[in-house]
Amino acid sequence: GKIVPARGPTDFGWDPVFQPDGYDQTYAEMAKEEKNLISHRYKSLALVKSHFKEAGYVFQTDDDTI
């Protein structure tokens, strides 16, 4: 990604100034669902979840997207 002049809402950290590679929008301008699919936090959480699942842990959630 790259640092760009701030665009979009300024309510979450560096989202307004970070534009991921391959996108025309900053994280702040993206829909939450789109941002979550490519964010490092989402990817990290998904990886941790898969490791727990492989180890036999079961998590009950309302939303199984992570």
PDB file of N, CA and C in Angstrom:
ATOM      1  N   GLY A   1       0.813  -1.180   0.000  1.00  0.00           N
ATOM      2  CA  GLY A   1       0.000   0.000   0.000  1.00  0.00           C
ATOM      3  C   GLY A   1       0.861   1.249   0.000  1.00  0.00           C
ATOM      4  N   LYS A   2       0.174   2.385   0.054  1.00  0.00           N
ATOM      5  CA  LYS A   2       0.906   3.650   0.075  1.00  0.00           C
ATOM      6  C   LYS A   2       0.185   4.669   0.937  1.00  0.00           C
ATOM      7  N   ILE A   3       0.945   5.637   1.396  1.00  0.00           N
ATOM      8  CA  ILE A   3       0.424   6.746   2.171  1.00  0.00           C
ATOM      9  C   ILE A   3      -0.031   7.824   1.191  1.00  0.00           C
ATOM     10  N   VAL A   4      -1.260   8.319   1.377  1.00  0.00           N
ATOM     11  CA  VAL A   4      -1.848   9.327   0.487  1.00  0.00           C
ATOM     12  C   VAL A   4      -2.425  10.458   1.338  1.00  0.00           C
ATOM     13  N   PRO A   5      -2.750  11.597   0.720  1.00  0.00           N
ATOM     14  CA  PRO A   5      -3.441  12.648   1.474  1.00  0.00           C
ATOM     15  C   PRO A   5      -4.747  12.090   2.058  1.00  0.00           C
ATOM     16  N   ALA A   6      -5.078  12.498   3.262  1.00  0.00           N
ATOM     17  CA  ALA A   6      -6.242  11.966   3.978  1.00  0.00           C
ATOM     18  C   ALA A   6      -7.524  12.106   3.165  1.00  0.00           C
ATOM     19  N   ARG A   7      -8.268  10.982   3.121  1.00  0.00           N
ATOM     20  CA  ARG A   7      -9.578  10.945   2.463  1.00  0.00           C
ATOM     21  C   ARG A   7     -10.492  10.064   3.299  1.00  0.00           C
ATOM     22  N   GLY A   8     -11.731  10.470   3.425  1.00  0.00           N
ATOM     23  CA  GLY A   8     -12.708   9.678   4.158  1.00  0.00           C
ATOM     24  C   GLY A   8     -12.761  10.038   5.627  1.00  0.00           C
ATOM     25  N   PRO A   9     -13.617   9.325   6.379  1.00  0.00           N
ATOM     26  CA  PRO A   9     -13.782   9.590   7.810  1.00  0.00           C
ATOM     27  C   PRO A   9     -12.453   9.467   8.561  1.00  0.00           C
ATOM     28  N   THR A  10     -12.286  10.280   9.582  1.00  0.00           N
ATOM     29  CA  THR A  10     -11.026  10.299  10.335  1.00  0.00           C
ATOM     30  C   THR A  10     -11.171   9.687  11.721  1.00  0.00           C
ATOM     31  N   ASP A  11     -12.110   8.777  11.889  1.00  0.00           N
ATOM     32  CA  ASP A  11     -12.394   8.241  13.217  1.00  0.00           C
ATOM     33  C   ASP A  11     -11.639   6.956  13.571  1.00  0.00           C
ATOM     34  N   PHE A  12     -10.772   6.467  12.688  1.00  0.00           N
ATOM     35  CA  PHE A  12     -10.036   5.250  13.031  1.00  0.00           C
ATOM     36  C   PHE A  12      -8.599   5.322  12.535  1.00  0.00           C
ATOM     37  N   GLY A  13      -7.723   5.735  13.401  1.00  0.00           N
ATOM     38  CA  GLY A  13      -6.289   5.694  13.159  1.00  0.00           C
ATOM     39  C   GLY A  13      -5.840   6.197  11.807  1.00  0.00           C
ATOM     40  N   TRP A  14      -5.054   5.386  11.145  1.00  0.00           N
ATOM     41  CA  TRP A  14      -4.429   5.779   9.882  1.00  0.00           C
ATOM     42  C   TRP A  14      -5.256   5.410   8.662  1.00  0.00           C
ATOM     43  N   ASP A  15      -6.459   4.919   8.831  1.00  0.00           N
ATOM     44  CA  ASP A  15      -7.303   4.521   7.699  1.00  0.00           C
ATOM     45  C   ASP A  15      -7.453   5.597   6.620  1.00  0.00           C
ATOM     46  N   PRO A  16      -7.599   6.892   6.983  1.00  0.00           N
ATOM     47  CA  PRO A  16      -7.788   7.909   5.942  1.00  0.00           C
ATOM     48  C   PRO A  16      -6.560   8.139   5.053  1.00  0.00           C
ATOM     49  N   VAL A  17      -5.382   7.733   5.512  1.00  0.00           N
ATOM     50  CA  VAL A  17      -4.169   8.013   4.735  1.00  0.00           C
ATOM     51  C   VAL A  17      -3.532   6.772   4.124  1.00  0.00           C
ATOM     52  N   PHE A  18      -4.124   5.594   4.320  1.00  0.00           N
ATOM     53  CA  PHE A  18      -3.547   4.372   3.762  1.00  0.00           C
ATOM     54  C   PHE A  18      -4.413   3.844   2.635  1.00  0.00           C
ATOM     55  N   GLN A  19      -3.805   3.700   1.471  1.00  0.00           N
ATOM     56  CA  GLN A  19      -4.488   3.148   0.294  1.00  0.00           C
ATOM     57  C   GLN A  19      -3.813   1.829  -0.065  1.00  0.00           C
ATOM     58  N   PRO A  20      -4.520   0.709   0.095  1.00  0.00           N
ATOM     59  CA  PRO A  20      -3.918  -0.586  -0.192  1.00  0.00           C
ATOM     60  C   PRO A  20      -3.612  -0.759  -1.682  1.00  0.00           C
ATOM     61  N   ASP A  21      -2.583  -1.539  -1.968  1.00  0.00           N
ATOM     62  CA  ASP A  21      -2.231  -1.837  -3.359  1.00  0.00           C
ATOM     63  C   ASP A  21      -3.433  -2.422  -4.091  1.00  0.00           C
ATOM     64  N   GLY A  22      -3.658  -1.938  -5.312  1.00  0.00           N
ATOM     65  CA  GLY A  22      -4.736  -2.452  -6.139  1.00  0.00           C
ATOM     66  C   GLY A  22      -6.085  -1.796  -5.894  1.00  0.00           C
ATOM     67  N   TYR A  23      -6.135  -0.800  -5.023  1.00  0.00           N
ATOM     68  CA  TYR A  23      -7.393  -0.125  -4.699  1.00  0.00           C
ATOM     69  C   TYR A  23      -7.269   1.371  -4.956  1.00  0.00           C
ATOM     70  N   ASP A  24      -8.398   1.999  -5.305  1.00  0.00           N
ATOM     71  CA  ASP A  24      -8.436   3.444  -5.529  1.00  0.00           C
ATOM     72  C   ASP A  24      -8.910   4.195  -4.297  1.00  0.00           C
ATOM     73  N   GLN A  25      -9.333   3.471  -3.270  1.00  0.00           N
ATOM     74  CA  GLN A  25      -9.852   4.078  -2.051  1.00  0.00           C
ATOM     75  C   GLN A  25      -8.896   3.859  -0.891  1.00  0.00           C
ATOM     76  N   THR A  26      -8.974   4.762   0.093  1.00  0.00           N
ATOM     77  CA  THR A  26      -8.272   4.523   1.353  1.00  0.00           C
ATOM     78  C   THR A  26      -9.116   3.551   2.173  1.00  0.00           C
ATOM     79  N   TYR A  27      -8.530   2.992   3.226  1.00  0.00           N
ATOM     80  CA  TYR A  27      -9.309   2.127   4.113  1.00  0.00           C
ATOM     81  C   TYR A  27     -10.531   2.865   4.649  1.00  0.00           C
ATOM     82  N   ALA A  28     -10.385   4.151   4.962  1.00  0.00           N
ATOM     83  CA  ALA A  28     -11.499   4.928   5.522  1.00  0.00           C
ATOM     84  C   ALA A  28     -12.657   5.062   4.539  1.00  0.00           C
ATOM     85  N   GLU A  29     -12.381   5.025   3.261  1.00  0.00           N
ATOM     86  CA  GLU A  29     -13.429   5.172   2.247  1.00  0.00           C
ATOM     87  C   GLU A  29     -14.124   3.856   1.909  1.00  0.00           C
ATOM     88  N   MET A  30     -13.536   2.744   2.305  1.00  0.00           N
ATOM     89  CA  MET A  30     -14.085   1.429   1.967  1.00  0.00           C
ATOM     90  C   MET A  30     -15.221   1.035   2.896  1.00  0.00           C
ATOM     91  N   ALA A  31     -16.098   0.191   2.380  1.00  0.00           N
ATOM     92  CA  ALA A  31     -17.107  -0.434   3.238  1.00  0.00           C
ATOM     93  C   ALA A  31     -16.373  -1.325   4.239  1.00  0.00           C
ATOM     94  N   LYS A  32     -16.917  -1.428   5.431  1.00  0.00           N
ATOM     95  CA  LYS A  32     -16.298  -2.233   6.485  1.00  0.00           C
ATOM     96  C   LYS A  32     -16.007  -3.656   6.006  1.00  0.00           C
ATOM     97  N   GLU A  33     -16.957  -4.253   5.300  1.00  0.00           N
ATOM     98  CA  GLU A  33     -16.797  -5.636   4.837  1.00  0.00           C
ATOM     99  C   GLU A  33     -15.637  -5.766   3.857  1.00  0.00           C
ATOM    100  N   GLU A  34     -15.491  -4.802   2.969  1.00  0.00           N
ATOM    101  CA  GLU A  34     -14.398  -4.841   1.998  1.00  0.00           C
ATOM    102  C   GLU A  34     -13.054  -4.674   2.695  1.00  0.00           C
ATOM    103  N   LYS A  35     -12.974  -3.702   3.596  1.00  0.00           N
ATOM    104  CA  LYS A  35     -11.731  -3.460   4.331  1.00  0.00           C
ATOM    105  C   LYS A  35     -11.329  -4.699   5.126  1.00  0.00           C
ATOM    106  N   ASN A  36     -12.306  -5.312   5.794  1.00  0.00           N
ATOM    107  CA  ASN A  36     -11.987  -6.466   6.627  1.00  0.00           C
ATOM    108  C   ASN A  36     -11.420  -7.634   5.833  1.00  0.00           C
ATOM    109  N   LEU A  37     -11.819  -7.786   4.592  1.00  0.00           N
ATOM    110  CA  LEU A  37     -11.308  -8.898   3.787  1.00  0.00           C
ATOM    111  C   LEU A  37      -9.830  -8.760   3.454  1.00  0.00           C
ATOM    112  N   ILE A  38      -9.309  -7.525   3.485  1.00  0.00           N
ATOM    113  CA  ILE A  38      -7.911  -7.326   3.099  1.00  0.00           C
ATOM    114  C   ILE A  38      -7.036  -6.785   4.222  1.00  0.00           C
ATOM    115  N   SER A  39      -7.610  -6.461   5.369  1.00  0.00           N
ATOM    116  CA  SER A  39      -6.821  -5.847   6.438  1.00  0.00           C
ATOM    117  C   SER A  39      -5.914  -6.865   7.126  1.00  0.00           C
ATOM    118  N   HIS A  40      -4.792  -6.386   7.636  1.00  0.00           N
ATOM    119  CA  HIS A  40      -3.863  -7.271   8.337  1.00  0.00           C
ATOM    120  C   HIS A  40      -4.489  -7.818   9.618  1.00  0.00           C
ATOM    121  N   ARG A  41      -5.333  -7.044  10.269  1.00  0.00           N
ATOM    122  CA  ARG A  41      -5.985  -7.524  11.491  1.00  0.00           C
ATOM    123  C   ARG A  41      -6.925  -8.693  11.182  1.00  0.00           C
ATOM    124  N   TYR A  42      -7.710  -8.545  10.135  1.00  0.00           N
ATOM    125  CA  TYR A  42      -8.642  -9.607   9.754  1.00  0.00           C
ATOM    126  C   TYR A  42      -7.875 -10.876   9.387  1.00  0.00           C
ATOM    127  N   LYS A  43      -6.842 -10.718   8.577  1.00  0.00           N
ATOM    128  CA  LYS A  43      -6.060 -11.887   8.154  1.00  0.00           C
ATOM    129  C   LYS A  43      -5.425 -12.574   9.355  1.00  0.00           C
ATOM    130  N   SER A  44      -4.912 -11.794  10.309  1.00  0.00           N
ATOM    131  CA  SER A  44      -4.295 -12.366  11.505  1.00  0.00           C
ATOM    132  C   SER A  44      -5.314 -13.111  12.352  1.00  0.00           C
ATOM    133  N   LEU A  45      -6.476 -12.500  12.546  1.00  0.00           N
ATOM    134  CA  LEU A  45      -7.520 -13.144  13.339  1.00  0.00           C
ATOM    135  C   LEU A  45      -8.012 -14.428  12.673  1.00  0.00           C
ATOM    136  N   ALA A  46      -8.160 -14.411  11.364  1.00  0.00           N
ATOM    137  CA  ALA A  46      -8.587 -15.612  10.639  1.00  0.00           C
ATOM    138  C   ALA A  46      -7.557 -16.728  10.794  1.00  0.00           C
ATOM    139  N   LEU A  47      -6.277 -16.386  10.760  1.00  0.00           N
ATOM    140  CA  LEU A  47      -5.217 -17.379  10.924  1.00  0.00           C
ATOM    141  C   LEU A  47      -5.229 -17.972  12.333  1.00  0.00           C
ATOM    142  N   VAL A  48      -5.381 -17.121  13.340  1.00  0.00           N
ATOM    143  CA  VAL A  48      -5.456 -17.604  14.718  1.00  0.00           C
ATOM    144  C   VAL A  48      -6.663 -18.525  14.885  1.00  0.00           C
ATOM    145  N   LYS A  49      -7.791 -18.121  14.319  1.00  0.00           N
ATOM    146  CA  LYS A  49      -8.998 -18.944  14.413  1.00  0.00           C
ATOM    147  C   LYS A  49      -8.778 -20.317  13.784  1.00  0.00           C
ATOM    148  N   SER A  50      -8.113 -20.353  12.630  1.00  0.00           N
ATOM    149  CA  SER A  50      -7.885 -21.641  11.972  1.00  0.00           C
ATOM    150  C   SER A  50      -6.966 -22.535  12.804  1.00  0.00           C
ATOM    151  N   HIS A  51      -5.974 -21.941  13.474  1.00  0.00           N
ATOM    152  CA  HIS A  51      -5.085 -22.735  14.333  1.00  0.00           C
ATOM    153  C   HIS A  51      -5.854 -23.322  15.516  1.00  0.00           C
ATOM    154  N   PHE A  52      -6.716 -22.511  16.130  1.00  0.00           N
ATOM    155  CA  PHE A  52      -7.530 -23.024  17.226  1.00  0.00           C
ATOM    156  C   PHE A  52      -8.465 -24.126  16.745  1.00  0.00           C
ATOM    157  N   LYS A  53      -9.056 -23.934  15.583  1.00  0.00           N
ATOM    158  CA  LYS A  53      -9.984 -24.927  15.033  1.00  0.00           C
ATOM    159  C   LYS A  53      -9.256 -26.250  14.784  1.00  0.00           C
ATOM    160  N   GLU A  54      -8.047 -26.172  14.222  1.00  0.00           N
ATOM    161  CA  GLU A  54      -7.251 -27.377  13.980  1.00  0.00           C
ATOM    162  C   GLU A  54      -6.904 -28.088  15.280  1.00  0.00           C
ATOM    163  N   ALA A  55      -6.773 -27.319  16.369  1.00  0.00           N
ATOM    164  CA  ALA A  55      -6.441 -27.900  17.670  1.00  0.00           C
ATOM    165  C   ALA A  55      -7.673 -28.444  18.391  1.00  0.00           C
ATOM    166  N   GLY A  56      -8.857 -28.278  17.776  1.00  0.00           N
ATOM    167  CA  GLY A  56     -10.066 -28.840  18.346  1.00  0.00           C
ATOM    168  C   GLY A  56     -10.915 -27.900  19.176  1.00  0.00           C
ATOM    169  N   TYR A  57     -10.537 -26.639  19.242  1.00  0.00           N
ATOM    170  CA  TYR A  57     -11.346 -25.673  19.979  1.00  0.00           C
ATOM    171  C   TYR A  57     -12.549 -25.261  19.146  1.00  0.00           C
ATOM    172  N   VAL A  58     -13.678 -25.065  19.815  1.00  0.00           N
ATOM    173  CA  VAL A  58     -14.904 -24.656  19.137  1.00  0.00           C
ATOM    174  C   VAL A  58     -15.337 -23.312  19.706  1.00  0.00           C
ATOM    175  N   PHE A  59     -15.656 -22.382  18.822  1.00  0.00           N
ATOM    176  CA  PHE A  59     -16.100 -21.057  19.235  1.00  0.00           C
ATOM    177  C   PHE A  59     -17.529 -20.840  18.785  1.00  0.00           C
ATOM    178  N   GLN A  60     -18.354 -20.374  19.692  1.00  0.00           N
ATOM    179  CA  GLN A  60     -19.736 -20.038  19.363  1.00  0.00           C
ATOM    180  C   GLN A  60     -19.807 -18.535  19.132  1.00  0.00           C
ATOM    181  N   THR A  61     -20.172 -18.126  17.911  1.00  0.00           N
ATOM    182  CA  THR A  61     -20.297 -16.705  17.599  1.00  0.00           C
ATOM    183  C   THR A  61     -21.584 -16.466  16.832  1.00  0.00           C
ATOM    184  N   ASP A  62     -22.011 -15.221  16.830  1.00  0.00           N
ATOM    185  CA  ASP A  62     -23.173 -14.839  16.036  1.00  0.00           C
ATOM    186  C   ASP A  62     -22.796 -14.675  14.574  1.00  0.00           C
ATOM    187  N   ASP A  63     -21.525 -14.378  14.322  1.00  0.00           N
ATOM    188  CA  ASP A  63     -21.053 -14.087  12.968  1.00  0.00           C
ATOM    189  C   ASP A  63     -19.823 -14.933  12.701  1.00  0.00           C
ATOM    190  N   ASP A  64     -19.927 -15.902  11.823  1.00  0.00           N
ATOM    191  CA  ASP A  64     -18.817 -16.825  11.577  1.00  0.00           C
ATOM    192  C   ASP A  64     -17.945 -16.383  10.404  1.00  0.00           C
ATOM    193  N   THR A  65     -17.876 -15.060  10.151  1.00  0.00           N
ATOM    194  CA  THR A  65     -17.034 -14.589   9.056  1.00  0.00           C
ATOM    195  C   THR A  65     -15.574 -14.543   9.454  1.00  0.00           C
ATOM    196  N   ILE A  66     -15.300 -14.647  10.743  1.00  0.00           N
ATOM    197  CA  ILE A  66     -13.904 -14.643  11.204  1.00  0.00           C
ATOM    198  C   ILE A  66     -13.618 -15.962  11.868  1.00  0.00           C
TER     199      ILE A  66
END
